[in-house]
mmCIF file of all heavy atoms, coordinates in Angstrom:
data_MODEL
# 
_entry.id   MODEL 
# 
loop_
_atom_site.group_PDB 
_atom_site.id 
_atom_site.type_symbol 
_atom_site.label_atom_id 
_atom_site.label_alt_id 
_atom_site.label_comp_id 
_atom_site.label_asym_id 
_atom_site.label_entity_id 
_atom_site.label_seq_id 
_atom_site.pdbx_PDB_ins_code 
_atom_site.Cartn_x 
_atom_site.Cartn_y 
_atom_site.Cartn_z 
_atom_site.occupancy 
_atom_site.B_iso_or_equiv 
_atom_site.pdbx_formal_charge 
_atom_site.auth_seq_id 
_atom_site.auth_comp_id 
_atom_site.auth_asym_id 
_atom_site.auth_atom_id 
_atom_site.pdbx_PDB_model_num 
ATOM 1   N N   . ALA A 1 1  ? 4.043   -0.975  -8.746  1.00 0.00 ? 1  ALA A N   1 
ATOM 2   C CA  . ALA A 1 1  ? 4.831   -0.047  -7.915  1.00 0.00 ? 1  ALA A CA  1 
ATOM 3   C C   . ALA A 1 1  ? 4.446   -0.208  -6.441  1.00 0.00 ? 1  ALA A C   1 
ATOM 4   O O   . ALA A 1 1  ? 5.314   -0.148  -5.557  1.00 0.00 ? 1  ALA A O   1 
ATOM 5   C CB  . ALA A 1 1  ? 4.610   1.388   -8.360  1.00 0.00 ? 1  ALA A CB  1 
ATOM 6   N N   . ALA A 1 2  ? 3.161   -0.417  -6.175  1.00 0.00 ? 2  ALA A N   1 
ATOM 7   C CA  . ALA A 1 2  ? 2.707   -0.624  -4.790  1.00 0.00 ? 2  ALA A CA  1 
ATOM 8   C C   . ALA A 1 2  ? 3.342   -1.892  -4.225  1.00 0.00 ? 2  ALA A C   1 
ATOM 9   O O   . ALA A 1 2  ? 3.803   -1.917  -3.074  1.00 0.00 ? 2  ALA A O   1 
ATOM 10  C CB  . ALA A 1 2  ? 1.188   -0.719  -4.740  1.00 0.00 ? 2  ALA A CB  1 
ATOM 11  N N   . ALA A 1 3  ? 3.399   -2.932  -5.049  1.00 0.00 ? 3  ALA A N   1 
ATOM 12  C CA  . ALA A 1 3  ? 3.981   -4.206  -4.610  1.00 0.00 ? 3  ALA A CA  1 
ATOM 13  C C   . ALA A 1 3  ? 5.489   -4.091  -4.390  1.00 0.00 ? 3  ALA A C   1 
ATOM 14  O O   . ALA A 1 3  ? 6.066   -4.841  -3.587  1.00 0.00 ? 3  ALA A O   1 
ATOM 15  C CB  . ALA A 1 3  ? 3.678   -5.299  -5.644  1.00 0.00 ? 3  ALA A CB  1 
ATOM 16  N N   . GLU A 1 4  ? 6.128   -3.152  -5.087  1.00 0.00 ? 4  GLU A N   1 
ATOM 17  C CA  . GLU A 1 4  ? 7.596   -2.984  -4.996  1.00 0.00 ? 4  GLU A CA  1 
ATOM 18  C C   . GLU A 1 4  ? 8.033   -2.157  -3.787  1.00 0.00 ? 4  GLU A C   1 
ATOM 19  O O   . GLU A 1 4  ? 9.230   -2.081  -3.480  1.00 0.00 ? 4  GLU A O   1 
ATOM 20  C CB  . GLU A 1 4  ? 8.119   -2.271  -6.263  1.00 0.00 ? 4  GLU A CB  1 
ATOM 21  C CG  . GLU A 1 4  ? 8.036   -3.087  -7.535  1.00 0.00 ? 4  GLU A CG  1 
ATOM 22  C CD  . GLU A 1 4  ? 8.048   -2.200  -8.795  1.00 0.00 ? 4  GLU A CD  1 
ATOM 23  O OE1 . GLU A 1 4  ? 8.288   -0.970  -8.668  1.00 0.00 ? 4  GLU A OE1 1 
ATOM 24  O OE2 . GLU A 1 4  ? 7.805   -2.742  -9.891  1.00 0.00 ? 4  GLU A OE2 1 
ATOM 25  N N   . LEU A 1 5  ? 7.109   -1.503  -3.089  1.00 0.00 ? 5  LEU A N   1 
ATOM 26  C CA  . LEU A 1 5  ? 7.510   -0.640  -1.970  1.00 0.00 ? 5  LEU A CA  1 
ATOM 27  C C   . LEU A 1 5  ? 8.216   -1.460  -0.896  1.00 0.00 ? 5  LEU A C   1 
ATOM 28  O O   . LEU A 1 5  ? 7.824   -2.601  -0.625  1.00 0.00 ? 5  LEU A O   1 
ATOM 29  C CB  . LEU A 1 5  ? 6.290   0.077   -1.368  1.00 0.00 ? 5  LEU A CB  1 
ATOM 30  C CG  . LEU A 1 5  ? 5.691   1.222   -2.213  1.00 0.00 ? 5  LEU A CG  1 
ATOM 31  C CD1 . LEU A 1 5  ? 4.425   1.757   -1.558  1.00 0.00 ? 5  LEU A CD1 1 
ATOM 32  C CD2 . LEU A 1 5  ? 6.695   2.349   -2.417  1.00 0.00 ? 5  LEU A CD2 1 
ATOM 33  N N   . PRO A 1 6  ? 9.256   -0.895  -0.252  1.00 0.00 ? 6  PRO A N   1 
ATOM 34  C CA  . PRO A 1 6  ? 10.016  -1.658  0.744   1.00 0.00 ? 6  PRO A CA  1 
ATOM 35  C C   . PRO A 1 6  ? 9.159   -2.113  1.929   1.00 0.00 ? 6  PRO A C   1 
ATOM 36  O O   . PRO A 1 6  ? 8.179   -1.445  2.294   1.00 0.00 ? 6  PRO A O   1 
ATOM 37  C CB  . PRO A 1 6  ? 11.107  -0.686  1.198   1.00 0.00 ? 6  PRO A CB  1 
ATOM 38  C CG  . PRO A 1 6  ? 10.719  0.658   0.685   1.00 0.00 ? 6  PRO A CG  1 
ATOM 39  C CD  . PRO A 1 6  ? 9.813   0.448   -0.475  1.00 0.00 ? 6  PRO A CD  1 
ATOM 40  N N   . ALA A 1 7  ? 9.542   -3.237  2.516   1.00 0.00 ? 7  ALA A N   1 
ATOM 41  C CA  . ALA A 1 7  ? 8.767   -3.870  3.593   1.00 0.00 ? 7  ALA A CA  1 
ATOM 42  C C   . ALA A 1 7  ? 8.643   -2.981  4.831   1.00 0.00 ? 7  ALA A C   1 
ATOM 43  O O   . ALA A 1 7  ? 7.698   -3.127  5.608   1.00 0.00 ? 7  ALA A O   1 
ATOM 44  C CB  . ALA A 1 7  ? 9.394   -5.204  3.973   1.00 0.00 ? 7  ALA A CB  1 
ATOM 45  N N   . ASP A 1 8  ? 9.587   -2.033  5.016   1.00 0.00 ? 8  ASP A N   1 
ATOM 46  C CA  . ASP A 1 8  ? 9.533   -1.180  6.208   1.00 0.00 ? 8  ASP A CA  1 
ATOM 47  C C   . ASP A 1 8  ? 8.971   0.213   5.907   1.00 0.00 ? 8  ASP A C   1 
ATOM 48  O O   . ASP A 1 8  ? 9.092   1.129   6.720   1.00 0.00 ? 8  ASP A O   1 
ATOM 49  C CB  . ASP A 1 8  ? 10.936  -1.063  6.827   1.00 0.00 ? 8  ASP A CB  1 
ATOM 50  C CG  . ASP A 1 8  ? 11.940  -0.433  5.862   1.00 0.00 ? 8  ASP A CG  1 
ATOM 51  O OD1 . ASP A 1 8  ? 11.600  -0.291  4.655   1.00 0.00 ? 8  ASP A OD1 1 
ATOM 52  O OD2 . ASP A 1 8  ? 13.044  -0.071  6.303   1.00 0.00 ? 8  ASP A OD2 1 
ATOM 53  N N   . ALA A 1 9  ? 8.369   0.364   4.735   1.00 0.00 ? 9  ALA A N   1 
ATOM 54  C CA  . ALA A 1 9  ? 7.822   1.688   4.357   1.00 0.00 ? 9  ALA A CA  1 
ATOM 55  C C   . ALA A 1 9  ? 6.683   2.093   5.283   1.00 0.00 ? 9  ALA A C   1 
ATOM 56  O O   . ALA A 1 9  ? 5.943   1.251   5.797   1.00 0.00 ? 9  ALA A O   1 
ATOM 57  C CB  . ALA A 1 9  ? 7.340   1.653   2.906   1.00 0.00 ? 9  ALA A CB  1 
ATOM 58  N N   . LYS A 1 10 ? 6.578   3.399   5.505   1.00 0.00 ? 10 LYS A N   1 
ATOM 59  C CA  . LYS A 1 10 ? 5.440   3.961   6.256   1.00 0.00 ? 10 LYS A CA  1 
ATOM 60  C C   . LYS A 1 10 ? 4.650   4.796   5.253   1.00 0.00 ? 10 LYS A C   1 
ATOM 61  O O   . LYS A 1 10 ? 5.092   5.867   4.835   1.00 0.00 ? 10 LYS A O   1 
ATOM 62  C CB  . LYS A 1 10 ? 5.943   4.814   7.419   1.00 0.00 ? 10 LYS A CB  1 
ATOM 63  C CG  . LYS A 1 10 ? 6.617   3.981   8.509   1.00 0.00 ? 10 LYS A CG  1 
ATOM 64  C CD  . LYS A 1 10 ? 7.071   4.840   9.678   1.00 0.00 ? 10 LYS A CD  1 
ATOM 65  C CE  . LYS A 1 10 ? 7.676   3.992   10.795  1.00 0.00 ? 10 LYS A CE  1 
ATOM 66  N NZ  . LYS A 1 10 ? 8.856   3.214   10.350  1.00 0.00 ? 10 LYS A NZ  1 
ATOM 67  N N   . VAL A 1 11 ? 3.484   4.279   4.866   1.00 0.00 ? 11 VAL A N   1 
ATOM 68  C CA  . VAL A 1 11 ? 2.753   4.841   3.731   1.00 0.00 ? 11 VAL A CA  1 
ATOM 69  C C   . VAL A 1 11 ? 1.526   5.635   4.182   1.00 0.00 ? 11 VAL A C   1 
ATOM 70  O O   . VAL A 1 11 ? 0.620   5.091   4.806   1.00 0.00 ? 11 VAL A O   1 
ATOM 71  C CB  . VAL A 1 11 ? 2.322   3.719   2.754   1.00 0.00 ? 11 VAL A CB  1 
ATOM 72  C CG1 . VAL A 1 11 ? 1.600   4.316   1.543   1.00 0.00 ? 11 VAL A CG1 1 
ATOM 73  C CG2 . VAL A 1 11 ? 3.539   2.907   2.296   1.00 0.00 ? 11 VAL A CG2 1 
ATOM 74  N N   . LEU A 1 12 ? 1.511   6.915   3.836   1.00 0.00 ? 12 LEU A N   1 
ATOM 75  C CA  . LEU A 1 12 ? 0.343   7.753   4.092   1.00 0.00 ? 12 LEU A CA  1 
ATOM 76  C C   . LEU A 1 12 ? -0.621  7.593   2.920   1.00 0.00 ? 12 LEU A C   1 
ATOM 77  O O   . LEU A 1 12 ? -0.248  7.783   1.755   1.00 0.00 ? 12 LEU A O   1 
ATOM 78  C CB  . LEU A 1 12 ? 0.776   9.219   4.215   1.00 0.00 ? 12 LEU A CB  1 
ATOM 79  C CG  . LEU A 1 12 ? -0.347  10.261  4.343   1.00 0.00 ? 12 LEU A CG  1 
ATOM 80  C CD1 . LEU A 1 12 ? -1.148  10.072  5.616   1.00 0.00 ? 12 LEU A CD1 1 
ATOM 81  C CD2 . LEU A 1 12 ? 0.224   11.682  4.283   1.00 0.00 ? 12 LEU A CD2 1 
ATOM 82  N N   . LEU A 1 13 ? -1.844  7.211   3.216   1.00 0.00 ? 13 LEU A N   1 
ATOM 83  C CA  . LEU A 1 13 ? -2.871  7.106   2.174   1.00 0.00 ? 13 LEU A CA  1 
ATOM 84  C C   . LEU A 1 13 ? -4.244  7.215   2.807   1.00 0.00 ? 13 LEU A C   1 
ATOM 85  O O   . LEU A 1 13 ? -4.404  7.029   4.012   1.00 0.00 ? 13 LEU A O   1 
ATOM 86  C CB  . LEU A 1 13 ? -2.728  5.795   1.381   1.00 0.00 ? 13 LEU A CB  1 
ATOM 87  C CG  . LEU A 1 13 ? -2.776  4.454   2.119   1.00 0.00 ? 13 LEU A CG  1 
ATOM 88  C CD1 . LEU A 1 13 ? -4.215  4.015   2.382   1.00 0.00 ? 13 LEU A CD1 1 
ATOM 89  C CD2 . LEU A 1 13 ? -2.099  3.364   1.277   1.00 0.00 ? 13 LEU A CD2 1 
ATOM 90  N N   . ASP A 1 14 ? -5.222  7.505   1.982   1.00 0.00 ? 14 ASP A N   1 
ATOM 91  C CA  . ASP A 1 14 ? -6.606  7.604   2.451   1.00 0.00 ? 14 ASP A CA  1 
ATOM 92  C C   . ASP A 1 14 ? -7.358  6.360   1.986   1.00 0.00 ? 14 ASP A C   1 
ATOM 93  O O   . ASP A 1 14 ? -7.652  6.211   0.804   1.00 0.00 ? 14 ASP A O   1 
ATOM 94  C CB  . ASP A 1 14 ? -7.250  8.873   1.876   1.00 0.00 ? 14 ASP A CB  1 
ATOM 95  C CG  . ASP A 1 14 ? -8.662  9.091   2.397   1.00 0.00 ? 14 ASP A CG  1 
ATOM 96  O OD1 . ASP A 1 14 ? -9.163  8.219   3.145   1.00 0.00 ? 14 ASP A OD1 1 
ATOM 97  O OD2 . ASP A 1 14 ? -9.269  10.125  2.056   1.00 0.00 ? 14 ASP A OD2 1 
ATOM 98  N N   . ARG A 1 15 ? -7.637  5.449   2.935   1.00 0.00 ? 15 ARG A N   1 
ATOM 99  C CA  . ARG A 1 15 ? -8.310  4.194   2.571   1.00 0.00 ? 15 ARG A CA  1 
ATOM 100 C C   . ARG A 1 15 ? -9.698  4.440   1.960   1.00 0.00 ? 15 ARG A C   1 
ATOM 101 O O   . ARG A 1 15 ? -10.215 3.596   1.249   1.00 0.00 ? 15 ARG A O   1 
ATOM 102 C CB  . ARG A 1 15 ? -8.467  3.291   3.805   1.00 0.00 ? 15 ARG A CB  1 
ATOM 103 C CG  . ARG A 1 15 ? -7.197  2.531   4.175   1.00 0.00 ? 15 ARG A CG  1 
ATOM 104 C CD  . ARG A 1 15 ? -7.541  1.377   5.132   1.00 0.00 ? 15 ARG A CD  1 
ATOM 105 N NE  . ARG A 1 15 ? -6.375  0.549   5.412   1.00 0.00 ? 15 ARG A NE  1 
ATOM 106 C CZ  . ARG A 1 15 ? -5.775  0.471   6.597   1.00 0.00 ? 15 ARG A CZ  1 
ATOM 107 N NH1 . ARG A 1 15 ? -6.219  1.198   7.608   1.00 0.00 ? 15 ARG A NH1 1 
ATOM 108 N NH2 . ARG A 1 15 ? -4.734  -0.332  6.779   1.00 0.00 ? 15 ARG A NH2 1 
ATOM 109 N N   . ALA A 1 16 ? -10.278 5.607   2.243   1.00 0.00 ? 16 ALA A N   1 
ATOM 110 C CA  . ALA A 1 16 ? -11.590 5.919   1.679   1.00 0.00 ? 16 ALA A CA  1 
ATOM 111 C C   . ALA A 1 16 ? -11.489 6.349   0.219   1.00 0.00 ? 16 ALA A C   1 
ATOM 112 O O   . ALA A 1 16 ? -12.493 6.515   -0.462  1.00 0.00 ? 16 ALA A O   1 
ATOM 113 C CB  . ALA A 1 16 ? -12.258 7.027   2.483   1.00 0.00 ? 16 ALA A CB  1 
ATOM 114 N N   . CYS A 1 17 ? -10.256 6.502   -0.263  1.00 0.00 ? 17 CYS A N   1 
ATOM 115 C CA  . CYS A 1 17 ? -10.050 6.971   -1.637  1.00 0.00 ? 17 CYS A CA  1 
ATOM 116 C C   . CYS A 1 17 ? -9.215  5.982   -2.461  1.00 0.00 ? 17 CYS A C   1 
ATOM 117 O O   . CYS A 1 17 ? -9.522  5.705   -3.615  1.00 0.00 ? 17 CYS A O   1 
ATOM 118 C CB  . CYS A 1 17 ? -9.374  8.341   -1.598  1.00 0.00 ? 17 CYS A CB  1 
ATOM 119 S SG  . CYS A 1 17 ? -9.242  9.117   -3.203  1.00 0.00 ? 17 CYS A SG  1 
ATOM 120 N N   . VAL A 1 18 ? -8.157  5.445   -1.857  1.00 0.00 ? 18 VAL A N   1 
ATOM 121 C CA  . VAL A 1 18 ? -7.264  4.528   -2.582  1.00 0.00 ? 18 VAL A CA  1 
ATOM 122 C C   . VAL A 1 18 ? -7.976  3.200   -2.825  1.00 0.00 ? 18 VAL A C   1 
ATOM 123 O O   . VAL A 1 18 ? -8.597  2.645   -1.908  1.00 0.00 ? 18 VAL A O   1 
ATOM 124 C CB  . VAL A 1 18 ? -5.951  4.306   -1.794  1.00 0.00 ? 18 VAL A CB  1 
ATOM 125 C CG1 . VAL A 1 18 ? -5.075  3.254   -2.454  1.00 0.00 ? 18 VAL A CG1 1 
ATOM 126 C CG2 . VAL A 1 18 ? -5.190  5.628   -1.676  1.00 0.00 ? 18 VAL A CG2 1 
ATOM 127 N N   . ASN A 1 19 ? -7.892  2.692   -4.059  1.00 0.00 ? 19 ASN A N   1 
ATOM 128 C CA  . ASN A 1 19 ? -8.669  1.492   -4.360  1.00 0.00 ? 19 ASN A CA  1 
ATOM 129 C C   . ASN A 1 19 ? -8.111  0.226   -3.702  1.00 0.00 ? 19 ASN A C   1 
ATOM 130 O O   . ASN A 1 19 ? -6.939  0.155   -3.323  1.00 0.00 ? 19 ASN A O   1 
ATOM 131 C CB  . ASN A 1 19 ? -8.897  1.334   -5.875  1.00 0.00 ? 19 ASN A CB  1 
ATOM 132 C CG  . ASN A 1 19 ? -7.678  0.925   -6.672  1.00 0.00 ? 19 ASN A CG  1 
ATOM 133 O OD1 . ASN A 1 19 ? -6.996  -0.047  -6.350  1.00 0.00 ? 19 ASN A OD1 1 
ATOM 134 N ND2 . ASN A 1 19 ? -7.406  1.649   -7.749  1.00 0.00 ? 19 ASN A ND2 1 
ATOM 135 N N   . TYR A 1 20 ? -8.992  -0.740  -3.556  1.00 0.00 ? 20 TYR A N   1 
ATOM 136 C CA  . TYR A 1 20 ? -8.707  -1.972  -2.804  1.00 0.00 ? 20 TYR A CA  1 
ATOM 137 C C   . TYR A 1 20 ? -7.510  -2.731  -3.384  1.00 0.00 ? 20 TYR A C   1 
ATOM 138 O O   . TYR A 1 20 ? -6.692  -3.270  -2.636  1.00 0.00 ? 20 TYR A O   1 
ATOM 139 C CB  . TYR A 1 20 ? -9.958  -2.859  -2.819  1.00 0.00 ? 20 TYR A CB  1 
ATOM 140 C CG  . TYR A 1 20 ? -9.854  -4.087  -1.941  1.00 0.00 ? 20 TYR A CG  1 
ATOM 141 C CD1 . TYR A 1 20 ? -10.033 -4.007  -0.565  1.00 0.00 ? 20 TYR A CD1 1 
ATOM 142 C CD2 . TYR A 1 20 ? -9.585  -5.345  -2.492  1.00 0.00 ? 20 TYR A CD2 1 
ATOM 143 C CE1 . TYR A 1 20 ? -9.944  -5.129  0.248   1.00 0.00 ? 20 TYR A CE1 1 
ATOM 144 C CE2 . TYR A 1 20 ? -9.494  -6.482  -1.689  1.00 0.00 ? 20 TYR A CE2 1 
ATOM 145 C CZ  . TYR A 1 20 ? -9.673  -6.368  -0.323  1.00 0.00 ? 20 TYR A CZ  1 
ATOM 146 O OH  . TYR A 1 20 ? -9.586  -7.486  0.472   1.00 0.00 ? 20 TYR A OH  1 
ATOM 147 N N   . ARG A 1 21 ? -7.399  -2.739  -4.714  1.00 0.00 ? 21 ARG A N   1 
ATOM 148 C CA  . ARG A 1 21 ? -6.313  -3.518  -5.323  1.00 0.00 ? 21 ARG A CA  1 
ATOM 149 C C   . ARG A 1 21 ? -4.942  -2.931  -4.977  1.00 0.00 ? 21 ARG A C   1 
ATOM 150 O O   . ARG A 1 21 ? -3.990  -3.666  -4.708  1.00 0.00 ? 21 ARG A O   1 
ATOM 151 C CB  . ARG A 1 21 ? -6.476  -3.609  -6.847  1.00 0.00 ? 21 ARG A CB  1 
ATOM 152 C CG  . ARG A 1 21 ? -5.466  -4.601  -7.446  1.00 0.00 ? 21 ARG A CG  1 
ATOM 153 C CD  . ARG A 1 21 ? -5.539  -4.711  -8.948  1.00 0.00 ? 21 ARG A CD  1 
ATOM 154 N NE  . ARG A 1 21 ? -6.759  -5.376  -9.396  1.00 0.00 ? 21 ARG A NE  1 
ATOM 155 C CZ  . ARG A 1 21 ? -7.019  -5.652  -10.671 1.00 0.00 ? 21 ARG A CZ  1 
ATOM 156 N NH1 . ARG A 1 21 ? -6.152  -5.288  -11.609 1.00 0.00 ? 21 ARG A NH1 1 
ATOM 157 N NH2 . ARG A 1 21 ? -8.134  -6.256  -11.010 1.00 0.00 ? 21 ARG A NH2 1 
ATOM 158 N N   . ILE A 1 22 ? -4.841  -1.605  -4.966  1.00 0.00 ? 22 ILE A N   1 
ATOM 159 C CA  . ILE A 1 22 ? -3.546  -0.982  -4.623  1.00 0.00 ? 22 ILE A CA  1 
ATOM 160 C C   . ILE A 1 22 ? -3.140  -1.402  -3.222  1.00 0.00 ? 22 ILE A C   1 
ATOM 161 O O   . ILE A 1 22 ? -2.014  -1.865  -2.987  1.00 0.00 ? 22 ILE A O   1 
ATOM 162 C CB  . ILE A 1 22 ? -3.620  0.559   -4.745  1.00 0.00 ? 22 ILE A CB  1 
ATOM 163 C CG1 . ILE A 1 22 ? -3.691  0.970   -6.219  1.00 0.00 ? 22 ILE A CG1 1 
ATOM 164 C CG2 . ILE A 1 22 ? -2.412  1.229   -4.065  1.00 0.00 ? 22 ILE A CG2 1 
ATOM 165 C CD1 . ILE A 1 22 ? -3.841  2.465   -6.448  1.00 0.00 ? 22 ILE A CD1 1 
ATOM 166 N N   . CYS A 1 23 ? -4.042  -1.255  -2.251  1.00 0.00 ? 23 CYS A N   1 
ATOM 167 C CA  . CYS A 1 23 ? -3.711  -1.590  -0.859  1.00 0.00 ? 23 CYS A CA  1 
ATOM 168 C C   . CYS A 1 23 ? -3.458  -3.085  -0.694  1.00 0.00 ? 23 CYS A C   1 
ATOM 169 O O   . CYS A 1 23 ? -2.596  -3.491  0.087   1.00 0.00 ? 23 CYS A O   1 
ATOM 170 C CB  . CYS A 1 23 ? -4.827  -1.134  0.077   1.00 0.00 ? 23 CYS A CB  1 
ATOM 171 S SG  . CYS A 1 23 ? -4.674  0.614   0.461   1.00 0.00 ? 23 CYS A SG  1 
ATOM 172 N N   . ASN A 1 24 ? -4.174  -3.880  -1.442  1.00 0.00 ? 24 ASN A N   1 
ATOM 173 C CA  . ASN A 1 24 ? -4.011  -5.334  -1.386  1.00 0.00 ? 24 ASN A CA  1 
ATOM 174 C C   . ASN A 1 24 ? -2.632  -5.761  -1.879  1.00 0.00 ? 24 ASN A C   1 
ATOM 175 O O   . ASN A 1 24 ? -2.128  -6.815  -1.516  1.00 0.00 ? 24 ASN A O   1 
ATOM 176 C CB  . ASN A 1 24 ? -5.103  -5.992  -2.250  1.00 0.00 ? 24 ASN A CB  1 
ATOM 177 C CG  . ASN A 1 24 ? -5.689  -7.210  -1.573  1.00 0.00 ? 24 ASN A CG  1 
ATOM 178 O OD1 . ASN A 1 24 ? -5.592  -7.366  -0.355  1.00 0.00 ? 24 ASN A OD1 1 
ATOM 179 N ND2 . ASN A 1 24 ? -6.285  -8.084  -2.346  1.00 0.00 ? 24 ASN A ND2 1 
ATOM 180 N N   . ASN A 1 25 ? -2.029  -4.922  -2.739  1.00 0.00 ? 25 ASN A N   1 
ATOM 181 C CA  . ASN A 1 25 ? -0.705  -5.233  -3.306  1.00 0.00 ? 25 ASN A CA  1 
ATOM 182 C C   . ASN A 1 25 ? 0.442   -4.827  -2.379  1.00 0.00 ? 25 ASN A C   1 
ATOM 183 O O   . ASN A 1 25 ? 1.592   -5.190  -2.623  1.00 0.00 ? 25 ASN A O   1 
ATOM 184 C CB  . ASN A 1 25 ? -0.532  -4.536  -4.657  1.00 0.00 ? 25 ASN A CB  1 
ATOM 185 C CG  . ASN A 1 25 ? -1.230  -5.285  -5.790  1.00 0.00 ? 25 ASN A CG  1 
ATOM 186 O OD1 . ASN A 1 25 ? -1.992  -6.222  -5.534  1.00 0.00 ? 25 ASN A OD1 1 
ATOM 187 N ND2 . ASN A 1 25 ? -0.979  -4.905  -7.023  1.00 0.00 ? 25 ASN A ND2 1 
ATOM 188 N N   . LEU A 1 26 ? 0.140   -4.059  -1.318  1.00 0.00 ? 26 LEU A N   1 
ATOM 189 C CA  . LEU A 1 26 ? 1.198   -3.651  -0.380  1.00 0.00 ? 26 LEU A CA  1 
ATOM 190 C C   . LEU A 1 26 ? 1.610   -4.841  0.489   1.00 0.00 ? 26 LEU A C   1 
ATOM 191 O O   . LEU A 1 26 ? 0.776   -5.662  0.863   1.00 0.00 ? 26 LEU A O   1 
ATOM 192 C CB  . LEU A 1 26 ? 0.696   -2.520  0.528   1.00 0.00 ? 26 LEU A CB  1 
ATOM 193 C CG  . LEU A 1 26 ? 0.338   -1.187  -0.144  1.00 0.00 ? 26 LEU A CG  1 
ATOM 194 C CD1 . LEU A 1 26 ? -0.308  -0.244  0.859   1.00 0.00 ? 26 LEU A CD1 1 
ATOM 195 C CD2 . LEU A 1 26 ? 1.559   -0.536  -0.778  1.00 0.00 ? 26 LEU A CD2 1 
ATOM 196 N N   . LYS A 1 27 ? 2.899   -4.920  0.806   1.00 0.00 ? 27 LYS A N   1 
ATOM 197 C CA  . LYS A 1 27 ? 3.388   -5.997  1.693   1.00 0.00 ? 27 LYS A CA  1 
ATOM 198 C C   . LYS A 1 27 ? 2.721   -5.868  3.074   1.00 0.00 ? 27 LYS A C   1 
ATOM 199 O O   . LYS A 1 27 ? 2.479   -4.752  3.549   1.00 0.00 ? 27 LYS A O   1 
ATOM 200 C CB  . LYS A 1 27 ? 4.910   -5.902  1.843   1.00 0.00 ? 27 LYS A CB  1 
ATOM 201 C CG  . LYS A 1 27 ? 5.677   -6.150  0.545   1.00 0.00 ? 27 LYS A CG  1 
ATOM 202 C CD  . LYS A 1 27 ? 7.186   -5.997  0.761   1.00 0.00 ? 27 LYS A CD  1 
ATOM 203 C CE  . LYS A 1 27 ? 7.952   -6.248  -0.532  1.00 0.00 ? 27 LYS A CE  1 
ATOM 204 N NZ  . LYS A 1 27 ? 7.874   -5.112  -1.487  1.00 0.00 ? 27 LYS A NZ  1 
ATOM 205 N N   . ASP A 1 28 ? 2.455   -6.992  3.695   1.00 0.00 ? 28 ASP A N   1 
ATOM 206 C CA  . ASP A 1 28 ? 1.773   -7.003  5.002   1.00 0.00 ? 28 ASP A CA  1 
ATOM 207 C C   . ASP A 1 28 ? 2.541   -6.240  6.072   1.00 0.00 ? 28 ASP A C   1 
ATOM 208 O O   . ASP A 1 28 ? 1.950   -5.689  7.003   1.00 0.00 ? 28 ASP A O   1 
ATOM 209 C CB  . ASP A 1 28 ? 1.547   -8.449  5.482   1.00 0.00 ? 28 ASP A CB  1 
ATOM 210 C CG  . ASP A 1 28 ? 0.499   -9.160  4.631   1.00 0.00 ? 28 ASP A CG  1 
ATOM 211 O OD1 . ASP A 1 28 ? -0.253  -8.453  3.924   1.00 0.00 ? 28 ASP A OD1 1 
ATOM 212 O OD2 . ASP A 1 28 ? 0.442   -10.401 4.649   1.00 0.00 ? 28 ASP A OD2 1 
ATOM 213 N N   . SER A 1 29 ? 3.878   -6.205  5.945   1.00 0.00 ? 29 SER A N   1 
ATOM 214 C CA  . SER A 1 29 ? 4.693   -5.568  6.990   1.00 0.00 ? 29 SER A CA  1 
ATOM 215 C C   . SER A 1 29 ? 4.705   -4.043  6.901   1.00 0.00 ? 29 SER A C   1 
ATOM 216 O O   . SER A 1 29 ? 5.171   -3.354  7.810   1.00 0.00 ? 29 SER A O   1 
ATOM 217 C CB  . SER A 1 29 ? 6.131   -6.076  6.882   1.00 0.00 ? 29 SER A CB  1 
ATOM 218 O OG  . SER A 1 29 ? 6.637   -5.756  5.583   1.00 0.00 ? 29 SER A OG  1 
# 
């Protein structure tokens, strides 16, 4: 689902809590 998020999404998350793999799966844009 993280990988499927649109390229122009603005995602609120807490990097101190969300695991590395989830963030790694987000598109660079």
